[in-house]
PDB file of N, CA and C in Angstrom:
ATOM      1  N   MET A   1    -100.899-113.024-145.527  1.00  0.00           N
ATOM      2  CA  MET A   1    -101.722-112.020-146.137  1.00  0.00           C
ATOM      3  C   MET A   1    -103.160-112.518-146.119  1.00  0.00           C
ATOM      4  N   THR A   2    -104.049-111.674-145.760  1.00  0.00           N
ATOM      5  CA  THR A   2    -105.443-112.070-145.645  1.00  0.00           C
ATOM      6  C   THR A   2    -106.145-111.921-146.984  1.00  0.00           C
ATOM      7  N   PHE A   3    -107.311-112.534-147.042  1.00  0.00           N
ATOM      8  CA  PHE A   3    -108.119-112.473-148.249  1.00  0.00           C
ATOM      9  C   PHE A   3    -108.506-111.031-148.573  1.00  0.00           C
ATOM     10  N   ARG A   4    -108.829-110.261-147.536  1.00  0.00           N
ATOM     11  CA  ARG A   4    -109.260-108.875-147.725  1.00  0.00           C
ATOM     12  C   ARG A   4    -108.122-108.026-148.295  1.00  0.00           C
ATOM     13  N   SER A   5    -106.911-108.147-147.784  1.00  0.00           N
ATOM     14  CA  SER A   5    -105.792-107.346-148.280  1.00  0.00           C
ATOM     15  C   SER A   5    -105.405-107.776-149.701  1.00  0.00           C
ATOM     16  N   THR A   6    -105.497-109.065-149.992  1.00  0.00           N
ATOM     17  CA  THR A   6    -105.217-109.539-151.352  1.00  0.00           C
ATOM     18  C   THR A   6    -106.245-108.968-152.323  1.00  0.00           C
ATOM     19  N   ARG A   7    -107.488-109.000-151.921  1.00  0.00           N
ATOM     20  CA  ARG A   7    -108.551-108.453-152.767  1.00  0.00           C
ATOM     21  C   ARG A   7    -108.357-106.951-152.980  1.00  0.00           C
ATOM     22  N   SER A   8    -107.919-106.246-151.951  1.00  0.00           N
ATOM     23  CA  SER A   8    -107.670-104.806-152.065  1.00  0.00           C
ATOM     24  C   SER A   8    -106.531-104.533-153.031  1.00  0.00           C
ATOM     25  N   LEU A   9    -105.463-105.334-152.929  1.00  0.00           N
ATOM     26  CA  LEU A   9    -104.331-105.147-153.848  1.00  0.00           C
ATOM     27  C   LEU A   9    -104.736-105.408-155.295  1.00  0.00           C
ATOM     28  N   ILE A  10    -105.528-106.433-155.516  1.00  0.00           N
ATOM     29  CA  ILE A  10    -105.998-106.739-156.877  1.00  0.00           C
ATOM     30  C   ILE A  10    -106.880-105.610-157.385  1.00  0.00           C
ATOM     31  N   THR A  11    -107.750-105.105-156.544  1.00  0.00           N
ATOM     32  CA  THR A  11    -108.636-104.000-156.930  1.00  0.00           C
ATOM     33  C   THR A  11    -107.827-102.755-157.278  1.00  0.00           C
ATOM     34  N   ILE A  12    -106.823-102.444-156.482  1.00  0.00           N
ATOM     35  CA  ILE A  12    -105.975-101.274-156.747  1.00  0.00           C
ATOM     36  C   ILE A  12    -105.214-101.465-158.056  1.00  0.00           C
ATOM     37  N   GLY A  13    -104.693-102.665-158.272  1.00  0.00           N
ATOM     38  CA  GLY A  13    -103.958-102.953-159.509  1.00  0.00           C
ATOM     39  C   GLY A  13    -104.839-102.814-160.742  1.00  0.00           C
ATOM     40  N   LEU A  14    -106.061-103.361-160.653  1.00  0.00           N
ATOM     41  CA  LEU A  14    -106.991-103.244-161.780  1.00  0.00           C
ATOM     42  C   LEU A  14    -107.384-101.791-162.029  1.00  0.00           C
ATOM     43  N   PHE A  15    -107.589-101.045-160.955  1.00  0.00           N
ATOM     44  CA  PHE A  15    -107.937 -99.635-161.092  1.00  0.00           C
ATOM     45  C   PHE A  15    -106.791 -98.851-161.744  1.00  0.00           C
ATOM     46  N   ALA A  16    -105.542 -99.139-161.322  1.00  0.00           N
ATOM     47  CA  ALA A  16    -104.378 -98.468-161.907  1.00  0.00           C
ATOM     48  C   ALA A  16    -104.246 -98.807-163.385  1.00  0.00           C
ATOM     49  N   ALA A  17    -104.475-100.067-163.738  1.00  0.00           N
ATOM     50  CA  ALA A  17    -104.402-100.471-165.147  1.00  0.00           C
ATOM     51  C   ALA A  17    -105.497 -99.772-165.952  1.00  0.00           C
ATOM     52  N   LEU A  18    -106.682 -99.688-165.390  1.00  0.00           N
ATOM     53  CA  LEU A  18    -107.787 -99.017-166.065  1.00  0.00           C
ATOM     54  C   LEU A  18    -107.469 -97.548-166.309  1.00  0.00           C
ATOM     55  N   LEU A  19    -106.900 -96.869-165.311  1.00  0.00           N
ATOM     56  CA  LEU A  19    -106.512 -95.471-165.478  1.00  0.00           C
ATOM     57  C   LEU A  19    -105.442 -95.317-166.544  1.00  0.00           C
ATOM     58  N   THR A  20    -104.514 -96.244-166.592  1.00  0.00           N
ATOM     59  CA  THR A  20    -103.441 -96.173-167.578  1.00  0.00           C
ATOM     60  C   THR A  20    -103.999 -96.258-168.991  1.00  0.00           C
ATOM     61  N   PHE A  21    -104.909 -97.184-169.223  1.00  0.00           N
ATOM     62  CA  PHE A  21    -105.436 -97.363-170.572  1.00  0.00           C
ATOM     63  C   PHE A  21    -106.449 -96.304-170.966  1.00  0.00           C
ATOM     64  N   THR A  22    -107.203 -95.784-170.011  1.00  0.00           N
ATOM     65  CA  THR A  22    -108.211 -94.789-170.356  1.00  0.00           C
ATOM     66  C   THR A  22    -107.645 -93.380-170.428  1.00  0.00           C
ATOM     67  N   SER A  23    -106.475 -93.136-169.836  1.00  0.00           N
ATOM     68  CA  SER A  23    -105.923 -91.783-169.856  1.00  0.00           C
ATOM     69  C   SER A  23    -105.028 -91.543-171.057  1.00  0.00           C
ATOM     70  N   GLN A  24    -104.827 -92.547-171.911  1.00  0.00           N
ATOM     71  CA  GLN A  24    -104.023 -92.362-173.112  1.00  0.00           C
ATOM     72  C   GLN A  24    -104.790 -91.456-174.068  1.00  0.00           C
ATOM     73  N   PRO A  25    -104.109 -90.457-174.660  1.00  0.00           N
ATOM     74  CA  PRO A  25    -104.811 -89.574-175.584  1.00  0.00           C
ATOM     75  C   PRO A  25    -105.196 -90.332-176.846  1.00  0.00           C
ATOM     76  N   SER A  26    -106.378 -90.054-177.317  1.00  0.00           N
ATOM     77  CA  SER A  26    -106.801 -90.658-178.585  1.00  0.00           C
ATOM     78  C   SER A  26    -106.630 -89.617-179.672  1.00  0.00           C
ATOM     79  N   PHE A  27    -105.910 -89.978-180.692  1.00  0.00           N
ATOM     80  CA  PHE A  27    -105.628 -89.052-181.777  1.00  0.00           C
ATOM     81  C   PHE A  27    -106.626 -89.293-182.895  1.00  0.00           C
ATOM     82  N   SER A  28    -107.316 -88.241-183.281  1.00  0.00           N
ATOM     83  CA  SER A  28    -108.211 -88.381-184.421  1.00  0.00           C
ATOM     84  C   SER A  28    -107.414 -88.394-185.715  1.00  0.00           C
ATOM     85  N   GLN A  29    -106.199 -87.825-185.669  1.00  0.00           N
ATOM     86  CA  GLN A  29    -105.304 -87.837-186.808  1.00  0.00           C
ATOM     87  C   GLN A  29    -104.002 -88.469-186.375  1.00  0.00           C
ATOM     88  N   SER A  30    -103.299 -89.041-187.326  1.00  0.00           N
ATOM     89  CA  SER A  30    -101.994 -89.593-186.999  1.00  0.00           C
ATOM     90  C   SER A  30    -101.020 -88.443-186.752  1.00  0.00           C
ATOM     91  N   PRO A  31     -99.941 -88.687-186.004  1.00  0.00           N
ATOM     92  CA  PRO A  31     -98.964 -87.620-185.753  1.00  0.00           C
ATOM     93  C   PRO A  31     -98.395 -87.026-187.045  1.00  0.00           C
ATOM     94  N   SER A  32     -98.177 -87.856-188.058  1.00  0.00           N
ATOM     95  CA  SER A  32     -97.638 -87.322-189.312  1.00  0.00           C
ATOM     96  C   SER A  32     -98.650 -86.422-190.007  1.00  0.00           C
ATOM     97  N   ALA A  33     -99.930 -86.699-189.842  1.00  0.00           N
ATOM     98  CA  ALA A  33    -100.953 -85.837-190.425  1.00  0.00           C
ATOM     99  C   ALA A  33    -100.963 -84.478-189.739  1.00  0.00           C
ATOM    100  N   LYS A  34    -100.733 -84.461-188.418  1.00  0.00           N
ATOM    101  CA  LYS A  34    -100.681 -83.192-187.691  1.00  0.00           C
ATOM    102  C   LYS A  34     -99.460 -82.382-188.103  1.00  0.00           C
ATOM    103  N   VAL A  35     -98.325 -83.057-188.303  1.00  0.00           N
ATOM    104  CA  VAL A  35     -97.122 -82.370-188.757  1.00  0.00           C
ATOM    105  C   VAL A  35     -97.353 -81.778-190.136  1.00  0.00           C
ATOM    106  N   SER A  36     -97.966 -82.550-191.029  1.00  0.00           N
ATOM    107  CA  SER A  36     -98.260 -82.059-192.371  1.00  0.00           C
ATOM    108  C   SER A  36     -99.177 -80.840-192.323  1.00  0.00           C
ATOM    109  N   GLN A  37    -100.123 -80.848-191.403  1.00  0.00           N
ATOM    110  CA  GLN A  37    -101.048 -79.727-191.258  1.00  0.00           C
ATOM    111  C   GLN A  37    -100.300 -78.471-190.811  1.00  0.00           C
ATOM    112  N   VAL A  38     -99.360 -78.611-189.889  1.00  0.00           N
ATOM    113  CA  VAL A  38     -98.573 -77.475-189.420  1.00  0.00           C
ATOM    114  C   VAL A  38     -97.681 -76.955-190.549  1.00  0.00           C
ATOM    115  N   PHE A  39     -97.051 -77.853-191.300  1.00  0.00           N
ATOM    116  CA  PHE A  39     -96.262 -77.440-192.462  1.00  0.00           C
ATOM    117  C   PHE A  39     -97.145 -76.656-193.430  1.00  0.00           C
ATOM    118  N   GLN A  40     -98.337 -77.171-193.682  1.00  0.00           N
ATOM    119  CA  GLN A  40     -99.253 -76.518-194.619  1.00  0.00           C
ATOM    120  C   GLN A  40     -99.630 -75.123-194.139  1.00  0.00           C
ATOM    121  N   GLU A  41     -99.841 -74.944-192.840  1.00  0.00           N
ATOM    122  CA  GLU A  41    -100.164 -73.627-192.295  1.00  0.00           C
ATOM    123  C   GLU A  41     -99.023 -72.643-192.532  1.00  0.00           C
ATOM    124  N   LEU A  42     -97.783 -73.083-192.332  1.00  0.00           N
ATOM    125  CA  LEU A  42     -96.631 -72.211-192.584  1.00  0.00           C
ATOM    126  C   LEU A  42     -96.502 -71.878-194.062  1.00  0.00           C
ATOM    127  N   LEU A  43     -96.745 -72.845-194.928  1.00  0.00           N
ATOM    128  CA  LEU A  43     -96.663 -72.596-196.368  1.00  0.00           C
ATOM    129  C   LEU A  43     -97.729 -71.592-196.805  1.00  0.00           C
ATOM    130  N   ASP A  44     -98.940 -71.761-196.300  1.00  0.00           N
ATOM    131  CA  ASP A  44    -100.026 -70.820-196.621  1.00  0.00           C
ATOM    132  C   ASP A  44     -99.703 -69.421-196.107  1.00  0.00           C
ATOM    133  N   TYR A  45     -99.138 -69.346-194.903  1.00  0.00           N
ATOM    134  CA  TYR A  45     -98.742 -68.064-194.321  1.00  0.00           C
ATOM    135  C   TYR A  45     -97.730 -67.356-195.216  1.00  0.00           C
ATOM    136  N   SER A  46     -96.718 -68.072-195.658  1.00  0.00           N
ATOM    137  CA  SER A  46     -95.686 -67.487-196.511  1.00  0.00           C
ATOM    138  C   SER A  46     -96.273 -67.051-197.848  1.00  0.00           C
ATOM    139  N   LEU A  47     -97.152 -67.851-198.407  1.00  0.00           N
ATOM    140  CA  LEU A  47     -97.763 -67.530-199.695  1.00  0.00           C
ATOM    141  C   LEU A  47     -98.634 -66.278-199.611  1.00  0.00           C
ATOM    142  N   LYS A  48     -99.464 -66.179-198.583  1.00  0.00           N
ATOM    143  CA  LYS A  48    -100.399 -65.060-198.459  1.00  0.00           C
ATOM    144  C   LYS A  48     -99.728 -63.773-197.995  1.00  0.00           C
ATOM    145  N   GLU A  49     -98.843 -63.895-197.000  1.00  0.00           N
ATOM    146  CA  GLU A  49     -98.234 -62.707-196.399  1.00  0.00           C
ATOM    147  C   GLU A  49     -96.902 -62.312-197.036  1.00  0.00           C
ATOM    148  N   LYS A  50     -96.424 -63.115-197.984  1.00  0.00           N
ATOM    149  CA  LYS A  50     -95.125 -62.873-198.637  1.00  0.00           C
ATOM    150  C   LYS A  50     -93.992 -62.785-197.613  1.00  0.00           C
ATOM    151  N   LYS A  51     -94.064 -63.650-196.606  1.00  0.00           N
ATOM    152  CA  LYS A  51     -93.043 -63.726-195.561  1.00  0.00           C
ATOM    153  C   LYS A  51     -92.138 -64.915-195.840  1.00  0.00           C
ATOM    154  N   GLY A  52     -90.873 -64.762-195.491  1.00  0.00           N
ATOM    155  CA  GLY A  52     -89.895 -65.798-195.765  1.00  0.00           C
ATOM    156  C   GLY A  52     -89.947 -66.968-194.804  1.00  0.00           C
ATOM    157  N   LEU A  53     -89.557 -68.111-195.311  1.00  0.00           N
ATOM    158  CA  LEU A  53     -89.410 -69.323-194.518  1.00  0.00           C
ATOM    159  C   LEU A  53     -88.005 -69.857-194.737  1.00  0.00           C
ATOM    160  N   THR A  54     -87.538 -70.622-193.790  1.00  0.00           N
ATOM    161  CA  THR A  54     -86.279 -71.338-193.951  1.00  0.00           C
ATOM    162  C   THR A  54     -86.595 -72.822-193.930  1.00  0.00           C
ATOM    163  N   PHE A  55     -86.246 -73.514-195.017  1.00  0.00           N
ATOM    164  CA  PHE A  55     -86.455 -74.947-195.138  1.00  0.00           C
ATOM    165  C   PHE A  55     -85.145 -75.649-194.809  1.00  0.00           C
ATOM    166  N   TYR A  56     -85.214 -76.657-193.972  1.00  0.00           N
ATOM    167  CA  TYR A  56     -84.045 -77.466-193.626  1.00  0.00           C
ATOM    168  C   TYR A  56     -84.198 -78.814-194.321  1.00  0.00           C
ATOM    169  N   VAL A  57     -83.299 -79.060-195.287  1.00  0.00           N
ATOM    170  CA  VAL A  57     -83.393 -80.250-196.120  1.00  0.00           C
ATOM    171  C   VAL A  57     -82.055 -80.987-196.064  1.00  0.00           C
ATOM    172  N   HIS A  58     -82.029 -82.121-195.398  1.00  0.00           N
ATOM    173  CA  HIS A  58     -80.831 -82.976-195.313  1.00  0.00           C
ATOM    174  C   HIS A  58     -79.576 -82.193-194.959  1.00  0.00           C
ATOM    175  N   GLY A  59     -79.651 -81.370-193.917  1.00  0.00           N
ATOM    176  CA  GLY A  59     -78.497 -80.628-193.437  1.00  0.00           C
ATOM    177  C   GLY A  59     -78.236 -79.320-194.164  1.00  0.00           C
ATOM    178  N   GLN A  60     -78.994 -79.015-195.175  1.00  0.00           N
ATOM    179  CA  GLN A  60     -78.853 -77.769-195.926  1.00  0.00           C
ATOM    180  C   GLN A  60     -80.015 -76.848-195.574  1.00  0.00           C
ATOM    181  N   THR A  61     -79.799 -75.550-195.714  1.00  0.00           N
ATOM    182  CA  THR A  61     -80.878 -74.590-195.477  1.00  0.00           C
ATOM    183  C   THR A  61     -81.204 -73.873-196.776  1.00  0.00           C
ATOM    184  N   ILE A  62     -82.475 -73.694-197.009  1.00  0.00           N
ATOM    185  CA  ILE A  62     -82.963 -72.956-198.170  1.00  0.00           C
ATOM    186  C   ILE A  62     -83.926 -71.910-197.649  1.00  0.00           C
ATOM    187  N   ALA A  63     -83.564 -70.652-197.809  1.00  0.00           N
ATOM    188  CA  ALA A  63     -84.431 -69.555-197.370  1.00  0.00           C
ATOM    189  C   ALA A  63     -85.183 -69.027-198.580  1.00  0.00           C
ATOM    190  N   GLY A  64     -86.440 -68.650-198.373  1.00  0.00           N
ATOM    191  CA  GLY A  64     -87.204 -68.090-199.471  1.00  0.00           C
ATOM    192  C   GLY A  64     -88.658 -67.890-199.134  1.00  0.00           C
ATOM    193  N   VAL A  65     -89.355 -67.300-200.089  1.00  0.00           N
ATOM    194  CA  VAL A  65     -90.787 -67.029-199.969  1.00  0.00           C
ATOM    195  C   VAL A  65     -91.526 -68.004-200.870  1.00  0.00           C
ATOM    196  N   VAL A  66     -92.586 -68.601-200.360  1.00  0.00           N
ATOM    197  CA  VAL A  66     -93.390 -69.522-201.164  1.00  0.00           C
ATOM    198  C   VAL A  66     -94.135 -68.716-202.221  1.00  0.00           C
ATOM    199  N   THR A  67     -93.967 -69.103-203.487  1.00  0.00           N
ATOM    200  CA  THR A  67     -94.672 -68.432-204.579  1.00  0.00           C
ATOM    201  C   THR A  67     -95.835 -69.256-205.109  1.00  0.00           C
ATOM    202  N   LYS A  68     -95.755 -70.588-204.924  1.00  0.00           N
ATOM    203  CA  LYS A  68     -96.825 -71.447-205.407  1.00  0.00           C
ATOM    204  C   LYS A  68     -96.779 -72.773-204.659  1.00  0.00           C
ATOM    205  N   ILE A  69     -97.957 -73.254-204.267  1.00  0.00           N
ATOM    206  CA  ILE A  69     -98.062 -74.597-203.708  1.00  0.00           C
ATOM    207  C   ILE A  69     -98.445 -75.494-204.875  1.00  0.00           C
ATOM    208  N   ILE A  70     -97.488 -76.281-205.345  1.00  0.00           N
ATOM    209  CA  ILE A  70     -97.691 -77.101-206.534  1.00  0.00           C
ATOM    210  C   ILE A  70     -98.644 -78.256-206.247  1.00  0.00           C
ATOM    211  N   SER A  71     -98.405 -78.957-205.169  1.00  0.00           N
ATOM    212  CA  SER A  71     -99.264 -80.060-204.743  1.00  0.00           C
ATOM    213  C   SER A  71     -99.000 -80.290-203.262  1.00  0.00           C
ATOM    214  N   GLU A  72     -99.544 -81.378-202.736  1.00  0.00           N
ATOM    215  CA  GLU A  72     -99.268 -81.716-201.340  1.00  0.00           C
ATOM    216  C   GLU A  72     -97.833 -82.175-201.166  1.00  0.00           C
ATOM    217  N   GLU A  73     -97.154 -82.477-202.275  1.00  0.00           N
ATOM    218  CA  GLU A  73     -95.789 -82.988-202.194  1.00  0.00           C
ATOM    219  C   GLU A  73     -94.710 -81.962-202.495  1.00  0.00           C
ATOM    220  N   ALA A  74     -95.059 -80.814-203.086  1.00  0.00           N
ATOM    221  CA  ALA A  74     -94.015 -79.874-203.506  1.00  0.00           C
ATOM    222  C   ALA A  74     -94.507 -78.433-203.468  1.00  0.00           C
ATOM    223  N   VAL A  75     -93.543 -77.511-203.257  1.00  0.00           N
ATOM    224  CA  VAL A  75     -93.822 -76.078-203.301  1.00  0.00           C
ATOM    225  C   VAL A  75     -92.767 -75.392-204.158  1.00  0.00           C
ATOM    226  N   GLU A  76     -93.130 -74.237-204.671  1.00  0.00           N
ATOM    227  CA  GLU A  76     -92.186 -73.405-205.408  1.00  0.00           C
ATOM    228  C   GLU A  76     -91.821 -72.219-204.524  1.00  0.00           C
ATOM    229  N   VAL A  77     -90.518 -71.942-204.441  1.00  0.00           N
ATOM    230  CA  VAL A  77     -89.995 -70.906-203.568  1.00  0.00           C
ATOM    231  C   VAL A  77     -89.065 -70.031-204.389  1.00  0.00           C
ATOM    232  N   ARG A  78     -88.973 -68.753-204.017  1.00  0.00           N
ATOM    233  CA  ARG A  78     -87.978 -67.868-204.628  1.00  0.00           C
ATOM    234  C   ARG A  78     -87.209 -67.182-203.516  1.00  0.00           C
ATOM    235  N   ASN A  79     -85.954 -66.803-203.832  1.00  0.00           N
ATOM    236  CA  ASN A  79     -85.160 -66.031-202.898  1.00  0.00           C
ATOM    237  C   ASN A  79     -84.283 -65.060-203.674  1.00  0.00           C
ATOM    238  N   GLN A  80     -83.329 -64.437-203.026  1.00  0.00           N
ATOM    239  CA  GLN A  80     -82.520 -63.413-203.682  1.00  0.00           C
ATOM    240  C   GLN A  80     -81.631 -63.972-204.782  1.00  0.00           C
ATOM    241  N   THR A  81     -81.236 -65.210-204.675  1.00  0.00           N
ATOM    242  CA  THR A  81     -80.318 -65.772-205.663  1.00  0.00           C
ATOM    243  C   THR A  81     -81.004 -66.607-206.732  1.00  0.00           C
ATOM    244  N   SER A  82     -82.190 -67.142-206.445  1.00  0.00           N
ATOM    245  CA  SER A  82     -82.895 -67.991-207.405  1.00  0.00           C
ATOM    246  C   SER A  82     -84.338 -67.552-207.527  1.00  0.00           C
ATOM    247  N   SER A  83     -84.801 -67.469-208.756  1.00  0.00           N
ATOM    248  CA  SER A  83     -86.179 -67.040-208.971  1.00  0.00           C
ATOM    249  C   SER A  83     -87.169 -68.194-208.867  1.00  0.00           C
ATOM    250  N   ARG A  84     -86.653 -69.434-208.967  1.00  0.00           N
ATOM    251  CA  ARG A  84     -87.562 -70.577-208.905  1.00  0.00           C
ATOM    252  C   ARG A  84     -86.836 -71.780-208.289  1.00  0.00           C
ATOM    253  N   ILE A  85     -87.326 -72.209-207.141  1.00  0.00           N
ATOM    254  CA  ILE A  85     -86.797 -73.382-206.457  1.00  0.00           C
ATOM    255  C   ILE A  85     -87.986 -74.290-206.160  1.00  0.00           C
ATOM    256  N   ILE A  86     -87.893 -75.545-206.547  1.00  0.00           N
ATOM    257  CA  ILE A  86     -88.940 -76.519-206.243  1.00  0.00           C
ATOM    258  C   ILE A  86     -88.430 -77.387-205.089  1.00  0.00           C
ATOM    259  N   ILE A  87     -89.216 -77.446-204.026  1.00  0.00           N
ATOM    260  CA  ILE A  87     -88.839 -78.227-202.847  1.00  0.00           C
ATOM    261  C   ILE A  87     -89.852 -79.345-202.649  1.00  0.00           C
ATOM    262  N   ARG A  88     -89.348 -80.573-202.609  1.00  0.00           N
ATOM    263  CA  ARG A  88     -90.202 -81.721-202.290  1.00  0.00           C
ATOM    264  C   ARG A  88     -90.400 -81.764-200.782  1.00  0.00           C
ATOM    265  N   LEU A  89     -91.638 -81.727-200.349  1.00  0.00           N
ATOM    266  CA  LEU A  89     -91.926 -81.630-198.920  1.00  0.00           C
ATOM    267  C   LEU A  89     -91.592 -82.905-198.153  1.00  0.00           C
ATOM    268  N   ASP A  90     -91.538 -84.046-198.829  1.00  0.00           N
ATOM    269  CA  ASP A  90     -91.176 -85.270-198.117  1.00  0.00           C
ATOM    270  C   ASP A  90     -89.693 -85.296-197.766  1.00  0.00           C
ATOM    271  N   ARG A  91     -88.907 -84.378-198.330  1.00  0.00           N
ATOM    272  CA  ARG A  91     -87.476 -84.284-198.047  1.00  0.00           C
ATOM    273  C   ARG A  91     -87.165 -83.247-196.958  1.00  0.00           C
ATOM    274  N   VAL A  92     -88.149 -82.454-196.567  1.00  0.00           N
ATOM    275  CA  VAL A  92     -87.937 -81.367-195.611  1.00  0.00           C
ATOM    276  C   VAL A  92     -87.914 -81.922-194.197  1.00  0.00           C
ATOM    277  N   ASP A  93     -86.843 -81.567-193.462  1.00  0.00           N
ATOM    278  CA  ASP A  93     -86.724 -81.971-192.067  1.00  0.00           C
ATOM    279  C   ASP A  93     -87.450 -81.008-191.137  1.00  0.00           C
ATOM    280  N   ALA A  94     -87.381 -79.702-191.447  1.00  0.00           N
ATOM    281  CA  ALA A  94     -88.012 -78.694-190.599  1.00  0.00           C
ATOM    282  C   ALA A  94     -88.262 -77.433-191.421  1.00  0.00           C
ATOM    283  N   VAL A  95     -89.168 -76.604-190.937  1.00  0.00           N
ATOM    284  CA  VAL A  95     -89.455 -75.317-191.558  1.00  0.00           C
ATOM    285  C   VAL A  95     -89.500 -74.282-190.439  1.00  0.00           C
ATOM    286  N   ALA A  96     -88.839 -73.139-190.676  1.00  0.00           N
ATOM    287  CA  ALA A  96     -88.828 -72.052-189.691  1.00  0.00           C
ATOM    288  C   ALA A  96     -89.377 -70.791-190.333  1.00  0.00           C
ATOM    289  N   ALA A  97     -90.225 -70.081-189.624  1.00  0.00           N
ATOM    290  CA  ALA A  97     -90.760 -68.803-190.105  1.00  0.00           C
ATOM    291  C   ALA A  97     -89.814 -67.697-189.673  1.00  0.00           C
ATOM    292  N   ASN A  98     -89.514 -66.786-190.599  1.00  0.00           N
ATOM    293  CA  ASN A  98     -88.628 -65.660-190.291  1.00  0.00           C
ATOM    294  C   ASN A  98     -89.405 -64.530-189.663  1.00  0.00           C
TER     295      ASN A  98
END
């Protein structure tokens, strides 16, 4: 192998490494912060529009309309069978809009 081809291979390798590191997306927010933001948008939607959501909590489903956002950690929901349900958001696996 000649000096020129070795130098070319090193240059290509360095260029590939540079592309790998510079093409990684930079997140201004952590992924969990983005998830929390999406949850918050759905909660606000349900509260304002009086539309139902389905909360998935540890394998159980709770359907209802958000009546009050208590804090960043909990919401109050009502449905046909219960007039007041408090859901801790750190326990929610997923939320679906109806």
